[in-house]
Amino acid sequence: MAGVIPGTSRLLRGGMGAAALGLLLIYNSVDTVPADGSVPGQAAPPAIAAPAAGAPSAGAAGGPGPAAPVTAAPPLKRSKPVRLRIPQINVDAPFTELALDPAGQLNAPPPDDKNLVGWYAEGVSPGERGASVVAGHVDTTKGPAVFLLLSLMLPGNKVEVQRADNTVAVFAVDSVETFAKDAFPDQRVYGKTPDAQLRLITCGGTYDKKRRDYLDNVVVFAHLESSRPA
């Protein structure tokens, strides 16, 4: 991807929040790889399209979202995220804010930093009521990146977000699913929620050399389970 996610400032600033962001992300890669699809140090782009066992098949756009979490914690006040930790897949990465450029397009995480995740700063912060959106590269021109193993997460795995208010929001994974970008359930992924939830998003599936993009998105659905002092 060329460093931006096409969109309009009207959509992003018109009160649609994360739902508007969803409409942008589903058709655009958060990955930047060479035109031939190769990645330095790898024979081919990583194949991480398979959803977790029991998850709906790729492109399943209908049906209800994940079951309401039983142990959901009360939402937290708004606070910027500063670091993401996922022990099960060895993620320990700082956040960068994703903002609009002068043309009204949302900038993607910098492609030259393999260990960085992006948060749409005008959307819900991790721990607030609603669905907070975090995006990361699966690979870049420099090799595998922060969300390379995202599709391998399992229900019950923990995701920790350290916040600027010196709290750590702990999320429990509900499901890990893969959706075709041309059949993405944006309302399910980005719609309003009654509690604090998290969406981790990267690319997956087959890499299309002509489009220079992956055909699918991997989405981790998680809910706020607890919080603690940092």
Protein backbone atom coordinates (compact mmCIF):
# COMPACT_ATOMS: atom_id res chain seq x y z
CA MET A 1 0.00 0.00 0.00
CA ALA A 2 1.20 3.48 -0.80
CA GLY A 3 0.95 4.81 2.73
CA VAL A 4 -2.65 6.01 2.82
CA ILE A 5 -6.07 4.42 3.10
CA PRO A 6 -8.42 6.11 0.60
CA GLY A 7 -11.39 7.85 2.17
CA THR A 8 -12.96 11.22 2.77
CA SER A 9 -12.73 13.59 5.68
CA ARG A 10 -16.52 13.93 5.55
CA LEU A 11 -16.99 10.25 6.38
CA LEU A 12 -14.32 10.15 9.04
CA ARG A 13 -15.37 13.37 10.75
CA GLY A 14 -19.11 12.96 10.30
CA GLY A 15 -19.75 11.14 13.55
CA MET A 16 -19.46 7.62 12.15
CA GLY A 17 -16.33 6.87 14.17
CA ALA A 18 -14.94 3.36 13.88
CA ALA A 19 -17.70 2.27 11.50
CA ALA A 20 -16.46 4.77 8.93
CA LEU A 21 -12.91 3.57 9.43
CA GLY A 22 -14.09 0.06 8.75
CA LEU A 23 -15.39 1.00 5.36
CA LEU A 24 -11.93 2.25 4.49
CA LEU A 25 -9.87 -0.62 5.86
CA ILE A 26 -11.75 -3.50 4.30
CA TYR A 27 -10.70 -2.70 0.75
CA ASN A 28 -7.18 -1.61 1.50
CA SER A 29 -4.10 -3.41 2.62
CA VAL A 30 -2.13 -2.49 5.71
CA ASP A 31 0.85 -4.15 4.05
CA THR A 32 3.55 -2.96 1.68
CA VAL A 33 5.41 -5.60 -0.30
CA PRO A 34 7.30 -5.59 -3.60
CA ALA A 35 5.37 -5.85 -6.85
CA ASP A 36 6.48 -9.48 -7.30
CA GLY A 37 4.94 -10.38 -3.95
CA SER A 38 8.22 -11.40 -2.41
CA VAL A 39 9.49 -10.42 1.01
CA PRO A 40 13.20 -10.18 1.84
CA GLY A 41 14.27 -13.33 3.62
CA GLN A 42 11.16 -15.26 2.58
CA ALA A 43 10.40 -17.46 -0.40
CA ALA A 44 6.85 -16.13 -0.60
CA PRO A 45 4.45 -13.91 1.37
CA PRO A 46 3.36 -15.60 4.61
CA ALA A 47 0.13 -17.56 4.39
CA ILE A 48 -1.95 -16.62 7.42
CA ALA A 49 -5.43 -16.75 5.96
CA ALA A 50 -6.81 -19.68 7.96
CA PRO A 51 -9.28 -18.65 10.67
CA ALA A 52 -9.19 -20.25 14.08
CA ALA A 53 -10.87 -23.62 14.46
CA GLY A 54 -14.62 -23.29 14.53
CA ALA A 55 -14.64 -19.78 13.07
CA PRO A 56 -16.86 -19.00 10.06
CA SER A 57 -15.29 -19.51 6.68
CA ALA A 58 -13.61 -16.63 4.85
CA GLY A 59 -16.05 -14.13 3.45
CA ALA A 60 -18.87 -15.03 5.84
CA ALA A 61 -20.47 -11.61 5.96
CA GLY A 62 -23.85 -12.44 7.44
CA GLY A 63 -25.08 -13.57 10.81
CA PRO A 64 -24.66 -12.12 14.26
CA GLY A 65 -21.37 -11.01 15.73
CA PRO A 66 -19.46 -12.88 18.42
CA ALA A 67 -21.51 -13.94 21.44
CA ALA A 68 -21.84 -11.33 24.15
CA PRO A 69 -18.92 -11.78 26.57
CA VAL A 70 -19.87 -13.13 29.98
CA THR A 71 -17.02 -11.54 31.92
CA ALA A 72 -16.96 -8.09 30.31
CA ALA A 73 -15.45 -5.40 32.53
CA PRO A 74 -16.94 -1.90 32.85
CA PRO A 75 -15.67 0.48 30.15
CA LEU A 76 -12.79 2.80 30.99
CA LYS A 77 -12.47 6.53 30.39
CA ARG A 78 -10.83 7.68 27.19
CA SER A 79 -7.04 7.44 27.16
CA LYS A 80 -4.47 7.13 24.40
CA PRO A 81 -2.90 3.69 23.93
CA VAL A 82 0.88 3.62 24.17
CA ARG A 83 1.89 -0.04 23.88
CA LEU A 84 0.36 -3.32 22.70
CA ARG A 85 1.43 -6.66 24.16
CA ILE A 86 0.24 -10.09 23.00
CA PRO A 87 2.41 -12.74 24.70
CA GLN A 88 1.03 -15.65 22.68
CA ILE A 89 2.42 -14.29 19.40
CA ASN A 90 5.38 -12.34 20.81
CA VAL A 91 3.98 -8.88 20.11
CA ASP A 92 5.37 -5.98 22.13
CA ALA A 93 4.91 -2.85 20.06
CA PRO A 94 4.36 0.89 20.46
CA PHE A 95 1.35 2.68 19.00
CA THR A 96 1.23 5.41 16.43
CA GLU A 97 -1.81 7.56 15.76
CA LEU A 98 -3.51 7.19 12.39
CA ALA A 99 -4.73 10.55 11.12
CA LEU A 100 -6.01 12.19 7.98
CA ASP A 101 -3.72 13.81 5.43
CA PRO A 102 -4.64 17.09 3.64
CA ALA A 103 -6.53 15.13 0.99
CA GLY A 104 -8.79 13.54 3.59
CA GLN A 105 -7.12 10.14 3.40
CA LEU A 106 -6.20 8.09 6.44
CA ASN A 107 -2.49 7.46 6.73
CA ALA A 108 -1.41 3.86 7.30
CA PRO A 109 1.25 2.86 9.84
CA PRO A 110 4.70 3.72 8.45
CA PRO A 111 5.85 0.82 6.25
CA ASP A 112 9.50 1.15 7.27
CA ASP A 113 8.81 0.14 10.90
CA LYS A 114 8.03 -3.57 11.27
CA ASN A 115 7.21 -3.33 14.98
CA LEU A 116 4.50 -0.69 15.10
CA VAL A 117 0.71 -0.72 15.36
CA GLY A 118 -1.68 2.05 14.38
CA TRP A 119 -4.74 3.37 16.18
CA TYR A 120 -7.31 5.67 14.57
CA ALA A 121 -7.06 8.57 17.00
CA GLU A 122 -10.52 10.02 16.22
CA GLY A 123 -12.17 6.70 17.04
CA VAL A 124 -12.71 4.79 20.27
CA SER A 125 -9.64 4.34 22.46
CA PRO A 126 -8.90 0.81 23.70
CA GLY A 127 -10.95 0.27 26.87
CA GLU A 128 -13.65 2.81 26.04
CA ARG A 129 -17.19 1.69 25.28
CA GLY A 130 -17.36 0.70 21.63
CA ALA A 131 -15.12 -1.08 19.16
CA SER A 132 -11.56 0.24 19.15
CA VAL A 133 -9.64 -0.37 15.93
CA VAL A 134 -5.96 -1.32 15.82
CA ALA A 135 -4.22 -2.09 12.52
CA GLY A 136 -0.77 -3.49 11.82
CA HIS A 137 1.32 -4.81 8.97
CA VAL A 138 1.64 -8.54 8.37
CA ASP A 139 4.82 -7.88 6.39
CA THR A 140 6.67 -5.04 4.70
CA THR A 141 9.44 -4.73 2.14
CA LYS A 142 11.82 -5.39 5.02
CA GLY A 143 10.27 -8.71 5.99
CA PRO A 144 7.73 -10.11 8.46
CA ALA A 145 6.02 -7.49 10.61
CA VAL A 146 4.18 -7.06 13.89
CA PHE A 147 0.95 -8.92 12.99
CA LEU A 148 2.56 -11.79 11.07
CA LEU A 149 1.06 -14.39 13.45
CA LEU A 150 -2.22 -12.65 14.22
CA SER A 151 -4.32 -15.37 12.59
CA LEU A 152 -2.85 -17.97 14.97
CA MET A 153 -4.47 -16.45 18.04
CA LEU A 154 -7.15 -18.47 19.84
CA PRO A 155 -10.24 -17.66 21.89
CA GLY A 156 -9.21 -16.92 25.46
CA ASN A 157 -5.81 -15.47 24.52
CA LYS A 158 -5.07 -12.14 26.19
CA VAL A 159 -4.29 -8.79 24.58
CA GLU A 160 -2.85 -6.06 26.80
CA VAL A 161 -3.00 -2.37 25.94
CA GLN A 162 -0.95 -0.02 28.11
CA ARG A 163 -2.58 3.40 28.17
CA ALA A 164 -1.41 6.95 28.78
CA ASP A 165 -3.41 7.13 32.04
CA ASN A 166 -1.13 4.45 33.53
CA THR A 167 -3.68 1.70 33.25
CA VAL A 168 -3.44 -1.57 31.34
CA ALA A 169 -6.61 -2.70 29.57
CA VAL A 170 -6.69 -6.50 29.32
CA PHE A 171 -8.80 -7.94 26.52
CA ALA A 172 -9.82 -11.58 26.04
CA VAL A 173 -10.07 -12.90 22.49
CA ASP A 174 -13.56 -14.06 21.46
CA SER A 175 -12.83 -15.19 17.92
CA VAL A 176 -10.32 -14.92 15.08
CA GLU A 177 -11.82 -14.79 11.63
CA THR A 178 -10.83 -14.20 8.03
CA PHE A 179 -13.01 -12.27 5.58
CA ALA A 180 -12.68 -11.62 1.88
CA LYS A 181 -12.16 -7.91 1.38
CA ASP A 182 -14.94 -7.78 -1.20
CA ALA A 183 -17.40 -9.37 1.26
CA PHE A 184 -16.39 -7.73 4.51
CA PRO A 185 -19.04 -7.44 7.29
CA ASP A 186 -18.29 -3.83 8.20
CA GLN A 187 -21.24 -3.41 10.56
CA ARG A 188 -20.33 -6.52 12.50
CA VAL A 189 -16.69 -5.51 12.82
CA TYR A 190 -17.05 -1.75 13.31
CA GLY A 191 -20.59 -1.23 14.54
CA LYS A 192 -21.55 0.11 17.95
CA THR A 193 -21.18 -2.23 20.94
CA PRO A 194 -22.69 -2.03 24.44
CA ASP A 195 -19.33 -2.67 26.09
CA ALA A 196 -15.62 -2.11 25.48
CA GLN A 197 -14.31 -4.21 22.62
CA LEU A 198 -11.19 -4.40 20.49
CA ARG A 199 -10.61 -5.23 16.84
CA LEU A 200 -7.12 -6.17 15.67
CA ILE A 201 -6.83 -6.12 11.88
CA THR A 202 -4.23 -7.16 9.36
CA CYS A 203 -4.14 -8.70 5.89
CA GLY A 204 -4.20 -12.37 4.99
CA GLY A 205 -5.06 -14.88 2.34
CA THR A 206 -3.58 -14.94 -1.13
CA TYR A 207 -1.36 -12.11 -2.27
CA ASP A 208 -2.55 -10.72 -5.60
CA LYS A 209 0.50 -9.56 -7.55
CA LYS A 210 -1.54 -7.49 -9.99
CA ARG A 211 -3.40 -5.63 -7.25
CA ARG A 212 -0.34 -5.59 -5.00
CA ASP A 213 -2.62 -6.45 -2.13
CA TYR A 214 -3.81 -9.39 -0.06
CA LEU A 215 -7.32 -10.61 -0.83
CA ASP A 216 -8.48 -11.06 2.76
CA ASN A 217 -8.50 -9.38 6.16
CA VAL A 218 -7.78 -11.21 9.41
CA VAL A 219 -9.83 -9.82 12.29
CA VAL A 220 -9.43 -10.58 15.99
CA PHE A 221 -12.58 -9.87 18.03
CA ALA A 222 -11.92 -9.27 21.74
CA HIS A 223 -13.68 -7.78 24.77
CA LEU A 224 -12.39 -5.91 27.80
CA GLU A 225 -11.93 -8.49 30.57
CA SER A 226 -10.18 -6.41 33.23
CA SER A 227 -7.85 -3.50 33.90
CA ARG A 228 -4.98 -2.85 36.27
CA PRO A 229 -2.39 -0.20 37.09
CA ALA A 230 0.53 -0.10 34.68
